[in-house]
C-alpha atoms as a PDB file:
ATOM      1  CA  UNK A   1      -9.594   1.404  13.517  1.00  0.00           C
ATOM      2  CA  UNK A   2      -8.217   4.921  13.902  1.00  0.00           C
ATOM      3  CA  UNK A   3      -4.844   5.914  15.286  1.00  0.00           C
ATOM      4  CA  UNK A   4      -2.654   8.992  15.405  1.00  0.00           C
ATOM      5  CA  UNK A   5       1.072   9.151  14.856  1.00  0.00           C
ATOM      6  CA  UNK A   6       3.203  11.978  16.211  1.00  0.00           C
ATOM      7  CA  UNK A   7       5.974  11.920  13.569  1.00  0.00           C
ATOM      8  CA  UNK A   8       7.398  10.075  10.560  1.00  0.00           C
ATOM      9  CA  UNK A   9       9.139   7.534  12.791  1.00  0.00           C
ATOM     10  CA  UNK A  10       5.821   6.513  14.366  1.00  0.00           C
ATOM     11  CA  UNK A  11       4.131   6.320  10.952  1.00  0.00           C
ATOM     12  CA  UNK A  12       6.961   4.127   9.669  1.00  0.00           C
ATOM     13  CA  UNK A  13       6.819   1.988  12.833  1.00  0.00           C
ATOM     14  CA  UNK A  14       3.107   1.476  12.225  1.00  0.00           C
ATOM     15  CA  UNK A  15       3.936   0.312   8.681  1.00  0.00           C
ATOM     16  CA  UNK A  16       6.393  -2.214  10.131  1.00  0.00           C
ATOM     17  CA  UNK A  17       3.810  -3.497  12.596  1.00  0.00           C
ATOM     18  CA  UNK A  18       1.163  -3.744   9.870  1.00  0.00           C
ATOM     19  CA  UNK A  19       3.552  -5.686   7.607  1.00  0.00           C
ATOM     20  CA  UNK A  20       3.871  -8.501  10.166  1.00  0.00           C
ATOM     21  CA  UNK A  21       0.363  -9.639   9.175  1.00  0.00           C
ATOM     22  CA  UNK A  22       0.963  -9.641   5.419  1.00  0.00           C
ATOM     23  CA  UNK A  23       1.309 -12.993   3.671  1.00  0.00           C
ATOM     24  CA  UNK A  24       0.677 -12.186   0.017  1.00  0.00           C
ATOM     25  CA  UNK A  25      -2.446 -11.402  -1.987  1.00  0.00           C
ATOM     26  CA  UNK A  26      -3.310  -8.313   0.047  1.00  0.00           C
ATOM     27  CA  UNK A  27      -4.129  -4.981  -1.559  1.00  0.00           C
ATOM     28  CA  UNK A  28      -3.425  -1.930   0.582  1.00  0.00           C
ATOM     29  CA  UNK A  29      -5.391   0.989  -0.832  1.00  0.00           C
ATOM     30  CA  UNK A  30      -3.800   4.190   0.472  1.00  0.00           C
ATOM     31  CA  UNK A  31      -5.594   7.528   0.276  1.00  0.00           C
ATOM     32  CA  UNK A  32      -4.727  10.981   1.552  1.00  0.00           C
ATOM     33  CA  UNK A  33      -3.383  14.306   0.416  1.00  0.00           C
ATOM     34  CA  UNK A  34       0.224  14.959  -0.580  1.00  0.00           C
ATOM     35  CA  UNK A  35       2.526  14.736   2.432  1.00  0.00           C
ATOM     36  CA  UNK A  36       0.026  12.836   4.572  1.00  0.00           C
ATOM     37  CA  UNK A  37       2.344   9.872   5.220  1.00  0.00           C
ATOM     38  CA  UNK A  38       1.504   7.280   2.577  1.00  0.00           C
ATOM     39  CA  UNK A  39       5.076   6.701   1.379  1.00  0.00           C
ATOM     40  CA  UNK A  40       6.450   6.824   4.940  1.00  0.00           C
ATOM     41  CA  UNK A  41       4.040   3.995   5.797  1.00  0.00           C
ATOM     42  CA  UNK A  42       5.239   1.996   2.766  1.00  0.00           C
ATOM     43  CA  UNK A  43       8.847   2.459   3.918  1.00  0.00           C
ATOM     44  CA  UNK A  44       7.911   0.766   7.189  1.00  0.00           C
ATOM     45  CA  UNK A  45       6.292  -2.137   5.357  1.00  0.00           C
ATOM     46  CA  UNK A  46       9.355  -2.583   3.133  1.00  0.00           C
ATOM     47  CA  UNK A  47      11.718  -2.475   6.091  1.00  0.00           C
ATOM     48  CA  UNK A  48       9.755  -5.156   7.959  1.00  0.00           C
ATOM     49  CA  UNK A  49       9.720  -7.324   4.824  1.00  0.00           C
ATOM     50  CA  UNK A  50      13.521  -7.147   4.724  1.00  0.00           C
ATOM     51  CA  UNK A  51      13.715  -5.023   1.589  1.00  0.00           C
ATOM     52  CA  UNK A  52      16.985  -3.105   1.457  1.00  0.00           C
ATOM     53  CA  UNK A  53      17.606   0.193  -0.269  1.00  0.00           C
ATOM     54  CA  UNK A  54      15.711   3.425  -0.565  1.00  0.00           C
ATOM     55  CA  UNK A  55      11.953   3.324  -0.930  1.00  0.00           C
ATOM     56  CA  UNK A  56      10.546   6.293  -2.815  1.00  0.00           C
ATOM     57  CA  UNK A  57       7.123   7.005  -4.199  1.00  0.00           C
ATOM     58  CA  UNK A  58       6.903   5.737  -7.783  1.00  0.00           C
ATOM     59  CA  UNK A  59       5.131   8.896  -8.942  1.00  0.00           C
ATOM     60  CA  UNK A  60       6.938   9.091 -12.283  1.00  0.00           C
ATOM     61  CA  UNK A  61       7.695   5.412 -12.911  1.00  0.00           C
ATOM     62  CA  UNK A  62       4.199   4.454 -11.662  1.00  0.00           C
ATOM     63  CA  UNK A  63       5.205   1.049 -10.287  1.00  0.00           C
ATOM     64  CA  UNK A  64       8.134  -0.357  -8.356  1.00  0.00           C
ATOM     65  CA  UNK A  65       8.573  -4.033  -7.612  1.00  0.00           C
ATOM     66  CA  UNK A  66      10.711  -5.209  -4.690  1.00  0.00           C
ATOM     67  CA  UNK A  67      11.541  -8.845  -4.076  1.00  0.00           C
ATOM     68  CA  UNK A  68      11.037  -9.976  -0.482  1.00  0.00           C
ATOM     69  CA  UNK A  69      14.117 -11.862   0.776  1.00  0.00           C
ATOM     70  CA  UNK A  70      13.726 -15.652   0.779  1.00  0.00           C
ATOM     71  CA  UNK A  71      13.853 -15.957   4.565  1.00  0.00           C
ATOM     72  CA  UNK A  72      10.720 -13.814   4.977  1.00  0.00           C
ATOM     73  CA  UNK A  73       8.628 -15.298   2.185  1.00  0.00           C
ATOM     74  CA  UNK A  74       5.459 -17.200   2.876  1.00  0.00           C
ATOM     75  CA  UNK A  75       5.623 -18.786  -0.588  1.00  0.00           C
ATOM     76  CA  UNK A  76       8.224 -19.525  -3.261  1.00  0.00           C
ATOM     77  CA  UNK A  77       8.139 -15.969  -4.493  1.00  0.00           C
ATOM     78  CA  UNK A  78       6.838 -12.826  -2.857  1.00  0.00           C
ATOM     79  CA  UNK A  79       7.175  -9.259  -4.052  1.00  0.00           C
ATOM     80  CA  UNK A  80       6.038  -5.897  -2.804  1.00  0.00           C
ATOM     81  CA  UNK A  81       4.358  -3.940  -5.590  1.00  0.00           C
ATOM     82  CA  UNK A  82       4.273  -0.192  -4.899  1.00  0.00           C
ATOM     83  CA  UNK A  83       2.006   1.788  -7.228  1.00  0.00           C
ATOM     84  CA  UNK A  84       1.380   5.513  -7.372  1.00  0.00           C
ATOM     85  CA  UNK A  85      -1.647   6.618  -9.388  1.00  0.00           C
ATOM     86  CA  UNK A  86      -1.380  10.335  -8.539  1.00  0.00           C
ATOM     87  CA  UNK A  87      -0.662  11.697 -11.997  1.00  0.00           C
ATOM     88  CA  UNK A  88      -2.695   9.206 -14.031  1.00  0.00           C
ATOM     89  CA  UNK A  89      -6.044   9.736 -15.664  1.00  0.00           C
ATOM     90  CA  UNK A  90      -8.627   6.941 -15.512  1.00  0.00           C
ATOM     91  CA  UNK A  91      -8.102   5.893 -19.131  1.00  0.00           C
ATOM     92  CA  UNK A  92      -4.337   5.559 -18.505  1.00  0.00           C
ATOM     93  CA  UNK A  93      -4.810   3.334 -15.462  1.00  0.00           C
ATOM     94  CA  UNK A  94      -6.315   0.558 -17.589  1.00  0.00           C
ATOM     95  CA  UNK A  95      -3.052   0.235 -19.523  1.00  0.00           C
ATOM     96  CA  UNK A  96      -0.975  -0.532 -16.374  1.00  0.00           C
ATOM     97  CA  UNK A  97      -1.783  -4.242 -16.367  1.00  0.00           C
ATOM     98  CA  UNK A  98      -2.855  -4.240 -12.734  1.00  0.00           C
ATOM     99  CA  UNK A  99      -4.606  -7.584 -13.176  1.00  0.00           C
ATOM    100  CA  UNK A 100      -1.137  -9.151 -13.320  1.00  0.00           C
ATOM    101  CA  UNK A 101      -0.620  -8.222  -9.645  1.00  0.00           C
ATOM    102  CA  UNK A 102      -3.823  -7.458  -7.772  1.00  0.00           C
ATOM    103  CA  UNK A 103      -5.013 -10.153  -5.397  1.00  0.00           C
ATOM    104  CA  UNK A 104      -2.374 -12.700  -6.386  1.00  0.00           C
ATOM    105  CA  UNK A 105      -0.660 -14.550  -3.529  1.00  0.00           C
ATOM    106  CA  UNK A 106       2.842 -13.812  -4.795  1.00  0.00           C
ATOM    107  CA  UNK A 107       2.300 -10.062  -4.477  1.00  0.00           C
ATOM    108  CA  UNK A 108       1.561  -7.582  -1.721  1.00  0.00           C
ATOM    109  CA  UNK A 109       0.179  -4.560  -3.561  1.00  0.00           C
ATOM    110  CA  UNK A 110       0.330  -1.097  -2.033  1.00  0.00           C
ATOM    111  CA  UNK A 111      -1.458   1.562  -4.061  1.00  0.00           C
ATOM    112  CA  UNK A 112      -1.082   5.271  -3.363  1.00  0.00           C
ATOM    113  CA  UNK A 113      -4.042   7.360  -4.563  1.00  0.00           C
ATOM    114  CA  UNK A 114      -6.146   4.174  -4.705  1.00  0.00           C
ATOM    115  CA  UNK A 115      -9.390   6.149  -4.757  1.00  0.00           C
ATOM    116  CA  UNK A 116      -8.788   6.473  -8.508  1.00  0.00           C
ATOM    117  CA  UNK A 117      -9.543   2.747  -8.913  1.00  0.00           C
ATOM    118  CA  UNK A 118     -12.053   2.276  -6.099  1.00  0.00           C
ATOM    119  CA  UNK A 119     -14.600   0.597  -8.389  1.00  0.00           C
ATOM    120  CA  UNK A 120     -11.968  -1.791  -9.777  1.00  0.00           C
ATOM    121  CA  UNK A 121     -10.943  -2.840  -6.267  1.00  0.00           C
ATOM    122  CA  UNK A 122     -14.482  -3.782  -5.187  1.00  0.00           C
ATOM    123  CA  UNK A 123     -14.193  -7.184  -6.850  1.00  0.00           C
ATOM    124  CA  UNK A 124     -11.301  -8.174  -4.580  1.00  0.00           C
ATOM    125  CA  UNK A 125     -13.503  -8.158  -1.470  1.00  0.00           C
ATOM    126  CA  UNK A 126     -11.708  -8.711   1.823  1.00  0.00           C
ATOM    127  CA  UNK A 127      -8.249  -8.715   0.204  1.00  0.00           C
ATOM    128  CA  UNK A 128      -8.471  -4.897   0.156  1.00  0.00           C
ATOM    129  CA  UNK A 129      -7.596  -2.761   3.173  1.00  0.00           C
ATOM    130  CA  UNK A 130      -8.364   0.943   2.834  1.00  0.00           C
ATOM    131  CA  UNK A 131      -5.944   3.140   4.763  1.00  0.00           C
ATOM    132  CA  UNK A 132      -6.687   6.852   4.873  1.00  0.00           C
ATOM    133  CA  UNK A 133      -3.947   9.265   5.961  1.00  0.00           C
ATOM    134  CA  UNK A 134      -4.918  12.702   7.217  1.00  0.00           C
ATOM    135  CA  UNK A 135      -2.538  15.593   7.746  1.00  0.00           C
ATOM    136  CA  UNK A 136      -3.247  17.076  11.185  1.00  0.00           C
ATOM    137  CA  UNK A 137      -0.184  19.321  11.472  1.00  0.00           C
ATOM    138  CA  UNK A 138       3.485  19.335  10.487  1.00  0.00           C
ATOM    139  CA  UNK A 139       4.143  16.140  12.451  1.00  0.00           C
ATOM    140  CA  UNK A 140       0.850  14.509  13.461  1.00  0.00           C
ATOM    141  CA  UNK A 141      -1.126  12.198  11.190  1.00  0.00           C
ATOM    142  CA  UNK A 142      -4.476  10.494  11.651  1.00  0.00           C
ATOM    143  CA  UNK A 143      -4.647   7.032  10.086  1.00  0.00           C
ATOM    144  CA  UNK A 144      -7.989   5.310   9.518  1.00  0.00           C
ATOM    145  CA  UNK A 145      -7.948   1.615   8.578  1.00  0.00           C
ATOM    146  CA  UNK A 146     -11.030   0.031   7.066  1.00  0.00           C
ATOM    147  CA  UNK A 147     -11.262  -3.533   5.817  1.00  0.00           C
ATOM    148  CA  UNK A 148     -13.321  -3.898   2.674  1.00  0.00           C
ATOM    149  CA  UNK A 149     -16.214  -6.294   3.045  1.00  0.00           C
ATOM    150  CA  UNK A 150     -15.861  -9.703   1.406  1.00  0.00           C
ATOM    151  CA  UNK A 151     -19.403  -9.511   0.034  1.00  0.00           C
ATOM    152  CA  UNK A 152     -18.846  -6.350  -2.017  1.00  0.00           C
ATOM    153  CA  UNK A 153     -19.662  -6.981  -5.678  1.00  0.00           C
END
């Protein structure tokens, strides 16, 4: 599926719409250059999940965890995990403890710069949704959504 957004508000609105389908256990693998709309999309997801406060890219802290309010949870606990792998080298990624979060029903994981762990995500099959953001111009973005096959080994 490919769509274009005309501005940040539309990109965020798409994130909100996408979040309506999330139940827990999903891994959203975001790819695209700096400024392509990845974090704006995550802001929309967080807003739809009822998460209050400012959502920023966790570039320097690497991971942010946000609790989803009780009224919107599909299980006893549900958290949004927002990861940013931009500044990490492959050998540093292994020390993050991603196995504590990835694919588990109590977490919705959104990973910016997910191409850095593409091989690690293959084992999660259809839990992974690849979302590529392309910078068209100052306002317009092209967003390509691809569901990873469940038979990927």
